[in-house]
Amino acid sequence: MAQDNLSSSSKKVRKEVEMYWDLGSTNAYFALKLIRPVLARHDAGLVLHPFNLGHVFRLHNYVLMEEPPAKIANRKRDLARWAEKYQLPFRFPTRFPIKTSRALRGSLVMRRHGLELAYVDAIMSAYWERDDHSVADYAGLRTVAAGLGVDPDAFEAECESAEIREQLARSTDGGLARGVFGVPAMFVGDELFWGKDRMEFIEDELGRR
């Protein structure tokens, strides 16, 4: 299982948190930020699992944003509160939702280079902080890959390969088999925690291990 430790130390990590994520999830953006201090306090590693929300939504006949306008407006205000509280440069993008399968496959390619977490951070920042929806397509993803020192032509070719496509399908199906219904979904062992506001519970579980 691939790991992204948040330290350059080569010492063995005693604990880990697994996180299922999707670029199109506001709460996954926040969770990736808020999990960092929790991991640091427990000397724990982070294992990332791309999870294709678009596929899962279609599977369950769920249409994003088809909710009462008042609820959507309140959600956006609530997100702004989270950004203010934790001093994060979050801004709701002008183009939402976006197709994320290319970006998700890109994370699996970057895993091979040991750059998975750096890549995910980069695309999350682009979309949720700078309103850069180009990361939905290769035009933006190639730039991210190049910025991380990976040849963009090779990156795109690998993203389109049958092997990487199958890996994303397995990652998503594996999450469904474990009970994942949305993201961010985080596991400590077999315990599932869903949402950006579950950090206290994750910390408690890490403390017990």
N, C-alpha and C. Protein backbone atom coordinates (compact mmCIF):
# COMPACT_ATOMS: atom_id res chain seq x y z
N MET A 1 0.84 -1.19 0.00
CA MET A 1 0.00 0.00 0.00
C MET A 1 0.88 1.24 0.00
N ALA A 2 0.60 2.18 -0.92
CA ALA A 2 1.43 3.38 -1.02
C ALA A 2 1.13 4.32 0.13
N GLN A 3 2.16 4.96 0.63
CA GLN A 3 2.00 5.88 1.73
C GLN A 3 2.59 7.23 1.35
N ASP A 4 2.01 8.30 1.92
CA ASP A 4 2.57 9.65 1.84
C ASP A 4 2.83 10.11 3.25
N ASN A 5 4.04 9.93 3.75
CA ASN A 5 4.37 10.43 5.07
C ASN A 5 4.53 11.94 5.00
N LEU A 6 4.16 12.61 6.05
CA LEU A 6 4.28 14.05 6.08
C LEU A 6 5.62 14.48 6.64
N SER A 7 6.54 13.57 6.76
CA SER A 7 7.90 13.86 7.21
C SER A 7 8.87 13.19 6.28
N SER A 8 10.05 13.78 6.13
CA SER A 8 11.07 13.16 5.28
C SER A 8 11.81 12.07 6.03
N SER A 9 11.48 11.87 7.29
CA SER A 9 12.15 10.85 8.10
C SER A 9 11.90 9.47 7.53
N SER A 10 12.90 8.61 7.62
CA SER A 10 12.77 7.25 7.11
C SER A 10 12.34 6.28 8.18
N LYS A 11 12.07 6.79 9.40
CA LYS A 11 11.68 5.88 10.47
C LYS A 11 10.31 5.27 10.19
N LYS A 12 10.09 4.12 10.73
CA LYS A 12 8.85 3.40 10.50
C LYS A 12 7.68 4.13 11.15
N VAL A 13 6.62 4.29 10.41
CA VAL A 13 5.42 4.95 10.91
C VAL A 13 4.58 3.92 11.66
N ARG A 14 4.24 4.23 12.90
CA ARG A 14 3.50 3.28 13.73
C ARG A 14 2.01 3.30 13.43
N LYS A 15 1.51 4.45 13.03
CA LYS A 15 0.08 4.61 12.82
C LYS A 15 -0.16 5.26 11.46
N GLU A 16 -1.39 5.10 10.95
CA GLU A 16 -1.71 5.76 9.69
C GLU A 16 -3.21 6.03 9.61
N VAL A 17 -3.52 7.05 8.85
CA VAL A 17 -4.90 7.39 8.52
C VAL A 17 -5.05 7.22 7.02
N GLU A 18 -6.06 6.49 6.59
CA GLU A 18 -6.37 6.35 5.17
C GLU A 18 -7.47 7.35 4.84
N MET A 19 -7.31 8.04 3.73
CA MET A 19 -8.30 9.04 3.33
C MET A 19 -8.75 8.81 1.89
N TYR A 20 -10.05 8.64 1.70
CA TYR A 20 -10.65 8.62 0.37
C TYR A 20 -11.03 10.06 0.03
N TRP A 21 -10.65 10.49 -1.17
CA TRP A 21 -10.80 11.89 -1.54
C TRP A 21 -11.22 12.03 -3.00
N ASP A 22 -11.74 13.19 -3.34
CA ASP A 22 -12.03 13.57 -4.71
C ASP A 22 -11.80 15.06 -4.84
N LEU A 23 -11.23 15.49 -5.95
CA LEU A 23 -10.97 16.91 -6.19
C LEU A 23 -12.24 17.74 -6.10
N GLY A 24 -13.37 17.17 -6.48
CA GLY A 24 -14.61 17.93 -6.53
C GLY A 24 -15.29 18.12 -5.19
N SER A 25 -14.68 17.67 -4.11
CA SER A 25 -15.29 17.77 -2.78
C SER A 25 -14.70 18.93 -1.99
N THR A 26 -15.56 19.88 -1.62
CA THR A 26 -15.12 20.97 -0.76
C THR A 26 -14.59 20.43 0.57
N ASN A 27 -15.30 19.46 1.13
CA ASN A 27 -14.92 18.95 2.44
C ASN A 27 -13.62 18.16 2.40
N ALA A 28 -13.30 17.56 1.26
CA ALA A 28 -12.01 16.88 1.13
C ALA A 28 -10.88 17.91 1.15
N TYR A 29 -11.11 19.06 0.54
CA TYR A 29 -10.10 20.14 0.60
C TYR A 29 -9.81 20.50 2.05
N PHE A 30 -10.85 20.75 2.82
CA PHE A 30 -10.65 21.13 4.22
C PHE A 30 -10.02 20.00 5.03
N ALA A 31 -10.47 18.77 4.79
CA ALA A 31 -9.95 17.63 5.56
C ALA A 31 -8.46 17.45 5.34
N LEU A 32 -7.99 17.64 4.12
CA LEU A 32 -6.56 17.50 3.85
C LEU A 32 -5.73 18.54 4.61
N LYS A 33 -6.32 19.70 4.86
CA LYS A 33 -5.64 20.73 5.64
C LYS A 33 -5.70 20.41 7.14
N LEU A 34 -6.87 20.02 7.61
CA LEU A 34 -7.10 19.88 9.04
C LEU A 34 -6.52 18.59 9.62
N ILE A 35 -6.28 17.59 8.77
CA ILE A 35 -5.72 16.33 9.28
C ILE A 35 -4.23 16.49 9.60
N ARG A 36 -3.55 17.48 9.02
CA ARG A 36 -2.09 17.59 9.17
C ARG A 36 -1.64 17.67 10.63
N PRO A 37 -2.17 18.60 11.42
CA PRO A 37 -1.70 18.67 12.81
C PRO A 37 -2.05 17.43 13.62
N VAL A 38 -3.14 16.77 13.29
CA VAL A 38 -3.51 15.52 13.98
C VAL A 38 -2.46 14.45 13.70
N LEU A 39 -2.08 14.32 12.45
CA LEU A 39 -1.06 13.33 12.08
C LEU A 39 0.27 13.64 12.75
N ALA A 40 0.61 14.92 12.78
CA ALA A 40 1.89 15.31 13.38
C ALA A 40 1.93 14.98 14.87
N ARG A 41 0.83 15.22 15.55
CA ARG A 41 0.81 14.96 16.99
C ARG A 41 0.94 13.47 17.32
N HIS A 42 0.53 12.61 16.39
CA HIS A 42 0.55 11.17 16.64
C HIS A 42 1.60 10.44 15.82
N ASP A 43 2.48 11.20 15.16
CA ASP A 43 3.53 10.58 14.35
C ASP A 43 2.94 9.57 13.38
N ALA A 44 1.85 9.96 12.75
CA ALA A 44 1.10 9.05 11.88
C ALA A 44 1.30 9.41 10.41
N GLY A 45 1.14 8.44 9.55
CA GLY A 45 1.24 8.64 8.11
C GLY A 45 -0.12 8.78 7.47
N LEU A 46 -0.15 9.31 6.26
CA LEU A 46 -1.38 9.49 5.51
C LEU A 46 -1.35 8.63 4.26
N VAL A 47 -2.38 7.83 4.06
CA VAL A 47 -2.52 7.01 2.86
C VAL A 47 -3.71 7.54 2.07
N LEU A 48 -3.47 7.93 0.84
CA LEU A 48 -4.51 8.53 0.00
C LEU A 48 -5.13 7.50 -0.94
N HIS A 49 -6.46 7.56 -1.06
CA HIS A 49 -7.19 6.69 -1.98
C HIS A 49 -8.10 7.56 -2.85
N PRO A 50 -7.82 7.72 -4.15
CA PRO A 50 -8.76 8.47 -5.00
C PRO A 50 -10.09 7.73 -5.09
N PHE A 51 -11.17 8.50 -5.05
CA PHE A 51 -12.52 7.93 -5.02
C PHE A 51 -13.36 8.73 -6.00
N ASN A 52 -13.83 8.08 -7.04
CA ASN A 52 -14.54 8.76 -8.13
C ASN A 52 -15.99 9.05 -7.74
N LEU A 53 -16.21 10.24 -7.18
CA LEU A 53 -17.55 10.61 -6.72
C LEU A 53 -18.56 10.64 -7.85
N GLY A 54 -18.14 11.10 -9.03
CA GLY A 54 -19.06 11.16 -10.15
C GLY A 54 -19.64 9.79 -10.46
N HIS A 55 -18.79 8.78 -10.46
CA HIS A 55 -19.24 7.41 -10.69
C HIS A 55 -20.22 6.98 -9.60
N VAL A 56 -19.89 7.28 -8.35
CA VAL A 56 -20.73 6.87 -7.22
C VAL A 56 -22.07 7.60 -7.25
N PHE A 57 -22.05 8.89 -7.58
CA PHE A 57 -23.31 9.64 -7.69
C PHE A 57 -24.22 9.03 -8.75
N ARG A 58 -23.63 8.68 -9.89
CA ARG A 58 -24.44 8.07 -10.94
C ARG A 58 -24.99 6.71 -10.48
N LEU A 59 -24.18 5.99 -9.75
CA LEU A 59 -24.58 4.68 -9.24
C LEU A 59 -25.81 4.79 -8.35
N HIS A 60 -25.87 5.88 -7.58
CA HIS A 60 -26.98 6.07 -6.64
C HIS A 60 -28.02 7.08 -7.12
N ASN A 61 -27.93 7.47 -8.41
CA ASN A 61 -28.89 8.41 -8.99
C ASN A 61 -28.97 9.73 -8.20
N TYR A 62 -27.82 10.18 -7.74
CA TYR A 62 -27.76 11.44 -7.01
C TYR A 62 -27.24 12.53 -7.94
N VAL A 63 -27.95 13.66 -7.96
CA VAL A 63 -27.53 14.78 -8.81
C VAL A 63 -27.07 15.92 -7.91
N LEU A 64 -25.78 16.25 -8.02
CA LEU A 64 -25.19 17.29 -7.19
C LEU A 64 -25.85 18.64 -7.47
N MET A 65 -26.06 19.40 -6.44
CA MET A 65 -26.60 20.77 -6.48
C MET A 65 -28.11 20.81 -6.73
N GLU A 66 -28.77 19.66 -6.85
CA GLU A 66 -30.22 19.66 -6.98
C GLU A 66 -30.83 19.64 -5.58
N GLU A 67 -30.67 20.74 -4.88
CA GLU A 67 -31.17 20.88 -3.52
C GLU A 67 -31.82 22.26 -3.41
N PRO A 68 -32.58 22.51 -2.35
CA PRO A 68 -33.22 23.82 -2.21
C PRO A 68 -32.18 24.94 -2.21
N PRO A 69 -32.46 26.04 -2.91
CA PRO A 69 -31.51 27.15 -2.98
C PRO A 69 -31.07 27.65 -1.60
N ALA A 70 -31.97 27.66 -0.63
CA ALA A 70 -31.61 28.14 0.71
C ALA A 70 -30.56 27.24 1.34
N LYS A 71 -30.68 25.93 1.10
CA LYS A 71 -29.71 24.98 1.65
C LYS A 71 -28.34 25.17 1.00
N ILE A 72 -28.33 25.36 -0.31
CA ILE A 72 -27.06 25.56 -1.02
C ILE A 72 -26.39 26.85 -0.55
N ALA A 73 -27.19 27.91 -0.40
CA ALA A 73 -26.64 29.19 0.06
C ALA A 73 -26.04 29.05 1.45
N ASN A 74 -26.72 28.31 2.33
CA ASN A 74 -26.21 28.12 3.68
C ASN A 74 -24.94 27.30 3.68
N ARG A 75 -24.87 26.30 2.80
CA ARG A 75 -23.66 25.48 2.69
C ARG A 75 -22.47 26.35 2.32
N LYS A 76 -22.66 27.22 1.35
CA LYS A 76 -21.57 28.09 0.91
C LYS A 76 -21.14 29.03 2.04
N ARG A 77 -22.11 29.56 2.79
CA ARG A 77 -21.74 30.43 3.91
C ARG A 77 -21.00 29.65 4.98
N ASP A 78 -21.42 28.40 5.21
CA ASP A 78 -20.76 27.57 6.20
C ASP A 78 -19.32 27.27 5.80
N LEU A 79 -19.09 27.04 4.52
CA LEU A 79 -17.73 26.82 4.03
C LEU A 79 -16.87 28.05 4.27
N ALA A 80 -17.45 29.22 4.06
CA ALA A 80 -16.72 30.46 4.31
C ALA A 80 -16.36 30.58 5.79
N ARG A 81 -17.25 30.13 6.66
CA ARG A 81 -16.94 30.16 8.09
C ARG A 81 -15.74 29.26 8.42
N TRP A 82 -15.72 28.07 7.82
CA TRP A 82 -14.60 27.16 8.05
C TRP A 82 -13.30 27.79 7.58
N ALA A 83 -13.35 28.41 6.41
CA ALA A 83 -12.14 29.05 5.88
C ALA A 83 -11.67 30.17 6.80
N GLU A 84 -12.61 30.96 7.31
CA GLU A 84 -12.26 32.05 8.22
C GLU A 84 -11.69 31.52 9.52
N LYS A 85 -12.32 30.49 10.06
CA LYS A 85 -11.89 29.95 11.35
C LYS A 85 -10.47 29.41 11.29
N TYR A 86 -10.15 28.72 10.19
CA TYR A 86 -8.83 28.08 10.08
C TYR A 86 -7.87 28.86 9.19
N GLN A 87 -8.27 30.07 8.82
CA GLN A 87 -7.42 30.98 8.04
C GLN A 87 -6.88 30.30 6.78
N LEU A 88 -7.81 29.75 6.01
CA LEU A 88 -7.47 29.09 4.75
C LEU A 88 -7.96 29.94 3.58
N PRO A 89 -7.19 30.00 2.49
CA PRO A 89 -7.56 30.86 1.37
C PRO A 89 -8.60 30.24 0.44
N PHE A 90 -9.59 29.58 1.02
CA PHE A 90 -10.64 28.92 0.24
C PHE A 90 -11.55 29.94 -0.43
N ARG A 91 -11.94 29.63 -1.67
CA ARG A 91 -12.96 30.42 -2.36
C ARG A 91 -13.77 29.46 -3.22
N PHE A 92 -15.08 29.63 -3.21
CA PHE A 92 -15.91 28.72 -3.99
C PHE A 92 -15.72 29.04 -5.47
N PRO A 93 -15.41 28.02 -6.28
CA PRO A 93 -15.07 28.27 -7.69
C PRO A 93 -16.28 28.70 -8.52
N THR A 94 -15.99 29.41 -9.60
CA THR A 94 -17.06 29.87 -10.48
C THR A 94 -17.59 28.74 -11.35
N ARG A 95 -16.78 27.70 -11.55
CA ARG A 95 -17.24 26.54 -12.33
C ARG A 95 -17.31 25.33 -11.39
N PHE A 96 -18.54 24.91 -11.10
CA PHE A 96 -18.76 23.79 -10.19
C PHE A 96 -20.10 23.14 -10.54
N PRO A 97 -20.14 21.80 -10.60
CA PRO A 97 -19.04 20.85 -10.40
C PRO A 97 -18.19 20.70 -11.66
N ILE A 98 -17.10 19.95 -11.52
CA ILE A 98 -16.23 19.65 -12.65
C ILE A 98 -16.03 18.14 -12.73
N LYS A 99 -15.59 17.68 -13.89
CA LYS A 99 -15.24 16.28 -14.06
C LYS A 99 -13.87 16.06 -13.42
N THR A 100 -13.73 15.02 -12.61
CA THR A 100 -12.49 14.86 -11.84
C THR A 100 -11.71 13.59 -12.15
N SER A 101 -12.21 12.75 -13.04
CA SER A 101 -11.56 11.46 -13.25
C SER A 101 -10.12 11.59 -13.74
N ARG A 102 -9.83 12.57 -14.59
CA ARG A 102 -8.45 12.75 -15.06
C ARG A 102 -7.54 13.12 -13.90
N ALA A 103 -8.00 14.04 -13.07
CA ALA A 103 -7.19 14.46 -11.92
C ALA A 103 -6.97 13.30 -10.95
N LEU A 104 -7.98 12.49 -10.75
CA LEU A 104 -7.85 11.34 -9.87
C LEU A 104 -6.86 10.33 -10.42
N ARG A 105 -6.93 10.06 -11.71
CA ARG A 105 -5.97 9.14 -12.32
C ARG A 105 -4.56 9.71 -12.22
N GLY A 106 -4.46 11.04 -12.34
CA GLY A 106 -3.15 11.68 -12.21
C GLY A 106 -2.50 11.41 -10.87
N SER A 107 -3.29 11.32 -9.82
CA SER A 107 -2.71 11.06 -8.50
C SER A 107 -2.06 9.69 -8.44
N LEU A 108 -2.64 8.73 -9.15
CA LEU A 108 -2.07 7.38 -9.18
C LEU A 108 -0.77 7.34 -9.97
N VAL A 109 -0.70 8.16 -11.03
CA VAL A 109 0.55 8.27 -11.77
C VAL A 109 1.62 8.91 -10.90
N MET A 110 1.25 9.98 -10.19
CA MET A 110 2.23 10.68 -9.36
C MET A 110 2.66 9.84 -8.15
N ARG A 111 1.83 8.91 -7.75
CA ARG A 111 2.23 7.97 -6.69
C ARG A 111 3.47 7.21 -7.10
N ARG A 112 3.57 6.86 -8.36
CA ARG A 112 4.73 6.12 -8.86
C ARG A 112 6.01 6.94 -8.74
N HIS A 113 5.86 8.24 -8.70
CA HIS A 113 7.02 9.13 -8.59
C HIS A 113 7.27 9.58 -7.15
N GLY A 114 6.46 9.07 -6.21
CA GLY A 114 6.59 9.50 -4.83
C GLY A 114 6.10 10.93 -4.60
N LEU A 115 5.18 11.41 -5.46
CA LEU A 115 4.73 12.79 -5.41
C LEU A 115 3.21 12.90 -5.28
N GLU A 116 2.60 11.86 -4.78
CA GLU A 116 1.13 11.83 -4.73
C GLU A 116 0.55 12.96 -3.88
N LEU A 117 1.05 13.12 -2.67
CA LEU A 117 0.51 14.14 -1.78
C LEU A 117 0.79 15.54 -2.31
N ALA A 118 1.99 15.77 -2.83
CA ALA A 118 2.32 17.08 -3.39
C ALA A 118 1.40 17.42 -4.56
N TYR A 119 1.11 16.42 -5.37
CA TYR A 119 0.20 16.61 -6.51
C TYR A 119 -1.21 16.93 -6.04
N VAL A 120 -1.72 16.17 -5.09
CA VAL A 120 -3.07 16.40 -4.59
C VAL A 120 -3.17 17.79 -3.97
N ASP A 121 -2.17 18.17 -3.19
CA ASP A 121 -2.16 19.53 -2.63
C ASP A 121 -2.21 20.58 -3.73
N ALA A 122 -1.45 20.34 -4.79
CA ALA A 122 -1.37 21.33 -5.87
C ALA A 122 -2.69 21.49 -6.60
N ILE A 123 -3.37 20.39 -6.91
CA ILE A 123 -4.64 20.51 -7.64
C ILE A 123 -5.75 21.04 -6.73
N MET A 124 -5.71 20.67 -5.46
CA MET A 124 -6.70 21.20 -4.52
C MET A 124 -6.55 22.71 -4.38
N SER A 125 -5.31 23.16 -4.25
CA SER A 125 -5.06 24.60 -4.13
C SER A 125 -5.49 25.34 -5.39
N ALA A 126 -5.19 24.75 -6.54
CA ALA A 126 -5.56 25.39 -7.81
C ALA A 126 -7.07 25.59 -7.90
N TYR A 127 -7.82 24.55 -7.60
CA TYR A 127 -9.28 24.61 -7.79
C TYR A 127 -9.99 25.36 -6.66
N TRP A 128 -9.65 25.06 -5.42
CA TRP A 128 -10.40 25.59 -4.29
C TRP A 128 -9.83 26.87 -3.70
N GLU A 129 -8.68 27.30 -4.17
CA GLU A 129 -8.11 28.55 -3.68
C GLU A 129 -7.95 29.60 -4.78
N ARG A 130 -7.62 29.14 -6.00
CA ARG A 130 -7.35 30.09 -7.09
C ARG A 130 -8.40 30.06 -8.19
N ASP A 131 -9.48 29.29 -7.98
CA ASP A 131 -10.56 29.21 -8.97
C ASP A 131 -10.04 28.79 -10.34
N ASP A 132 -9.08 27.86 -10.33
CA ASP A 132 -8.46 27.38 -11.56
C ASP A 132 -9.04 26.01 -11.92
N HIS A 133 -10.09 26.05 -12.76
CA HIS A 133 -10.74 24.78 -13.11
C HIS A 133 -10.03 24.06 -14.26
N SER A 134 -8.89 24.58 -14.70
CA SER A 134 -8.14 23.89 -15.76
C SER A 134 -7.64 22.53 -15.29
N VAL A 135 -7.58 22.30 -13.96
CA VAL A 135 -7.10 21.02 -13.45
C VAL A 135 -8.13 19.91 -13.65
N ALA A 136 -9.28 20.24 -14.22
CA ALA A 136 -10.22 19.19 -14.63
C ALA A 136 -9.75 18.51 -15.91
N ASP A 137 -8.86 19.18 -16.63
CA ASP A 137 -8.40 18.68 -17.92
C ASP A 137 -6.87 18.63 -17.95
N TYR A 138 -6.34 18.02 -18.99
CA TYR A 138 -4.89 17.87 -19.07
C TYR A 138 -4.17 19.20 -19.27
N ALA A 139 -4.87 20.19 -19.78
CA ALA A 139 -4.22 21.50 -19.95
C ALA A 139 -3.66 21.99 -18.62
N GLY A 140 -4.44 21.84 -17.55
CA GLY A 140 -3.98 22.25 -16.24
C GLY A 140 -3.15 21.20 -15.55
N LEU A 141 -3.52 19.94 -15.71
CA LEU A 141 -2.80 18.86 -15.02
C LEU A 141 -1.38 18.70 -15.53
N ARG A 142 -1.16 18.92 -16.81
CA ARG A 142 0.20 18.83 -17.37
C ARG A 142 1.10 19.89 -16.72
N THR A 143 0.53 21.08 -16.49
CA THR A 143 1.30 22.14 -15.85
C THR A 143 1.68 21.74 -14.43
N VAL A 144 0.74 21.13 -13.72
CA VAL A 144 1.03 20.67 -12.35
C VAL A 144 2.13 19.62 -12.37
N ALA A 145 2.01 18.65 -13.28
CA ALA A 145 3.02 17.59 -13.38
C ALA A 145 4.40 18.18 -13.67
N ALA A 146 4.46 19.09 -14.63
CA ALA A 146 5.74 19.71 -14.98
C ALA A 146 6.32 20.47 -13.79
N GLY A 147 5.46 21.14 -13.04
CA GLY A 147 5.92 21.88 -11.88
C GLY A 147 6.51 20.99 -10.80
N LEU A 148 6.11 19.73 -10.81
CA LEU A 148 6.63 18.76 -9.85
C LEU A 148 7.79 17.94 -10.43
N GLY A 149 8.22 18.32 -11.62
CA GLY A 149 9.38 17.68 -12.23
C GLY A 149 9.09 16.41 -13.01
N VAL A 150 7.83 16.21 -13.40
CA VAL A 150 7.45 15.02 -14.16
C VAL A 150 7.13 15.42 -15.59
N ASP A 151 7.65 14.68 -16.54
CA ASP A 151 7.42 14.98 -17.96
C ASP A 151 5.92 14.95 -18.25
N PRO A 152 5.35 16.04 -18.73
CA PRO A 152 3.90 16.11 -18.93
C PRO A 152 3.37 15.15 -20.00
N ASP A 153 4.17 14.90 -21.03
CA ASP A 153 3.72 13.95 -22.06
C ASP A 153 3.61 12.54 -21.49
N ALA A 154 4.62 12.14 -20.74
CA ALA A 154 4.59 10.81 -20.12
C ALA A 154 3.47 10.73 -19.08
N PHE A 155 3.27 11.82 -18.35
CA PHE A 155 2.21 11.88 -17.34
C PHE A 155 0.85 11.65 -17.99
N GLU A 156 0.55 12.38 -19.05
CA GLU A 156 -0.75 12.25 -19.72
C GLU A 156 -0.94 10.85 -20.29
N ALA A 157 0.12 10.32 -20.89
CA ALA A 157 0.02 8.98 -21.47
C ALA A 157 -0.30 7.93 -20.40
N GLU A 158 0.35 8.05 -19.26
CA GLU A 158 0.08 7.10 -18.18
C GLU A 158 -1.34 7.27 -17.64
N CYS A 159 -1.80 8.51 -17.52
CA CYS A 159 -3.16 8.76 -17.04
C CYS A 159 -4.20 8.09 -17.93
N GLU A 160 -3.92 8.03 -19.21
CA GLU A 160 -4.87 7.45 -20.17
C GLU A 160 -4.69 5.95 -20.34
N SER A 161 -3.71 5.37 -19.67
CA SER A 161 -3.45 3.94 -19.83
C SER A 161 -4.54 3.10 -19.19
N ALA A 162 -4.74 1.90 -19.74
CA ALA A 162 -5.73 0.98 -19.19
C ALA A 162 -5.39 0.61 -17.75
N GLU A 163 -4.11 0.51 -17.46
CA GLU A 163 -3.68 0.12 -16.11
C GLU A 163 -4.10 1.14 -15.07
N ILE A 164 -3.88 2.42 -15.35
CA ILE A 164 -4.24 3.47 -14.40
C ILE A 164 -5.76 3.61 -14.30
N ARG A 165 -6.44 3.49 -15.41
CA ARG A 165 -7.90 3.52 -15.37
C ARG A 165 -8.45 2.41 -14.47
N GLU A 166 -7.87 1.24 -14.58
CA GLU A 166 -8.30 0.10 -13.76
C GLU A 166 -7.97 0.34 -12.29
N GLN A 167 -6.82 0.95 -12.02
CA GLN A 167 -6.45 1.25 -10.64
C GLN A 167 -7.46 2.19 -9.98
N LEU A 168 -7.92 3.21 -10.72
CA LEU A 168 -8.90 4.12 -10.17
C LEU A 168 -10.22 3.40 -9.90
N ALA A 169 -10.62 2.55 -10.83
CA ALA A 169 -11.85 1.78 -10.63
C ALA A 169 -11.74 0.90 -9.39
N ARG A 170 -10.58 0.27 -9.22
CA ARG A 170 -10.39 -0.60 -8.05
C ARG A 170 -10.38 0.22 -6.76
N SER A 171 -9.77 1.39 -6.79
CA SER A 171 -9.73 2.23 -5.61
C SER A 171 -11.14 2.66 -5.20
N THR A 172 -11.94 3.05 -6.18
CA THR A 172 -13.32 3.47 -5.91
C THR A 172 -14.17 2.30 -5.44
N ASP A 173 -14.09 1.19 -6.15
CA ASP A 173 -14.87 0.01 -5.76
C ASP A 173 -14.43 -0.52 -4.39
N GLY A 174 -13.13 -0.43 -4.12
CA GLY A 174 -12.63 -0.86 -2.82
C GLY A 174 -13.20 -0.01 -1.70
N GLY A 175 -13.33 1.28 -1.95
CA GLY A 175 -13.94 2.16 -0.95
C GLY A 175 -15.40 1.81 -0.72
N LEU A 176 -16.13 1.59 -1.79
CA LEU A 176 -17.53 1.20 -1.66
C LEU A 176 -17.68 -0.08 -0.85
N ALA A 177 -16.78 -1.04 -1.09
CA ALA A 177 -16.82 -2.31 -0.37
C ALA A 177 -16.56 -2.12 1.12
N ARG A 178 -15.83 -1.05 1.47
CA ARG A 178 -15.52 -0.77 2.88
C ARG A 178 -16.58 0.10 3.53
N GLY A 179 -17.59 0.49 2.78
CA GLY A 179 -18.65 1.31 3.35
C GLY A 179 -18.53 2.79 3.08
N VAL A 180 -17.61 3.18 2.21
CA VAL A 180 -17.46 4.60 1.88
C VAL A 180 -18.64 5.03 1.01
N PHE A 181 -19.30 6.11 1.39
CA PHE A 181 -20.46 6.61 0.64
C PHE A 181 -20.24 8.03 0.15
N GLY A 182 -19.17 8.65 0.61
CA GLY A 182 -18.83 10.01 0.21
C GLY A 182 -17.45 10.35 0.73
N VAL A 183 -16.97 11.54 0.37
CA VAL A 183 -15.65 11.94 0.83
C VAL A 183 -15.72 13.32 1.48
N PRO A 184 -14.77 13.59 2.38
CA PRO A 184 -13.66 12.73 2.78
C PRO A 184 -14.12 11.62 3.71
N ALA A 185 -13.66 10.42 3.43
CA ALA A 185 -13.88 9.28 4.31
C ALA A 185 -12.53 8.82 4.80
N MET A 186 -12.37 8.76 6.10
CA MET A 186 -11.07 8.44 6.69
C MET A 186 -11.17 7.22 7.58
N PHE A 187 -10.18 6.36 7.45
CA PHE A 187 -10.12 5.14 8.25
C PHE A 187 -8.92 5.18 9.17
N VAL A 188 -9.15 4.77 10.41
CA VAL A 188 -8.08 4.41 11.32
C VAL A 188 -8.35 2.94 11.64
N GLY A 189 -7.55 2.06 11.06
CA GLY A 189 -7.88 0.64 11.14
C GLY A 189 -9.18 0.40 10.39
N ASP A 190 -10.15 -0.20 11.08
CA ASP A 190 -11.45 -0.47 10.47
C ASP A 190 -12.50 0.56 10.81
N GLU A 191 -12.11 1.58 11.58
CA GLU A 191 -13.05 2.63 11.98
C GLU A 191 -13.16 3.68 10.88
N LEU A 192 -14.38 3.94 10.42
CA LEU A 192 -14.64 4.91 9.36
C LEU A 192 -15.14 6.22 9.96
N PHE A 193 -14.51 7.31 9.52
CA PHE A 193 -14.92 8.65 9.95
C PHE A 193 -15.20 9.47 8.69
N TRP A 194 -16.38 10.08 8.61
CA TRP A 194 -16.76 10.81 7.40
C TRP A 194 -16.91 12.30 7.70
N GLY A 195 -16.26 13.11 6.90
CA GLY A 195 -16.44 14.55 6.98
C GLY A 195 -15.25 15.28 7.58
N LYS A 196 -15.17 16.56 7.25
CA LYS A 196 -14.06 17.39 7.71
C LYS A 196 -14.14 17.69 9.20
N ASP A 197 -15.32 17.47 9.80
CA ASP A 197 -15.53 17.82 11.20
C ASP A 197 -15.41 16.62 12.13
N ARG A 198 -14.64 15.61 11.72
CA ARG A 198 -14.48 14.42 12.55
C ARG A 198 -13.05 14.27 13.10
N MET A 199 -12.29 15.35 13.06
CA MET A 199 -10.89 15.27 13.45
C MET A 199 -10.70 14.89 14.92
N GLU A 200 -11.60 15.36 15.78
CA GLU A 200 -11.49 15.01 17.19
C GLU A 200 -11.63 13.50 17.40
N PHE A 201 -12.56 12.90 16.67
CA PHE A 201 -12.78 11.47 16.80
C PHE A 201 -11.60 10.68 16.24
N ILE A 202 -11.04 11.17 15.13
CA ILE A 202 -9.86 10.52 14.56
C ILE A 202 -8.70 10.60 15.54
N GLU A 203 -8.54 11.77 16.15
CA GLU A 203 -7.46 11.93 17.13
C GLU A 203 -7.64 10.98 18.31
N ASP A 204 -8.87 10.86 18.78
CA ASP A 204 -9.15 9.92 19.89
C ASP A 204 -8.80 8.50 19.51
N GLU A 205 -9.14 8.12 18.28
CA GLU A 205 -8.87 6.75 17.83
C GLU A 205 -7.37 6.51 17.69
N LEU A 206 -6.65 7.50 17.17
CA LEU A 206 -5.19 7.36 17.07
C LEU A 206 -4.57 7.26 18.46
N GLY A 207 -5.13 7.99 19.41
CA GLY A 207 -4.60 7.97 20.76
C GLY A 207 -4.78 6.63 21.44
N ARG A 208 -5.79 5.89 21.01
CA ARG A 208 -6.03 4.57 21.61
C ARG A 208 -5.12 3.49 21.06
N ARG A 209 -4.42 3.81 19.95
CA ARG A 209 -3.65 2.76 19.27
C ARG A 209 -2.17 2.86 19.61
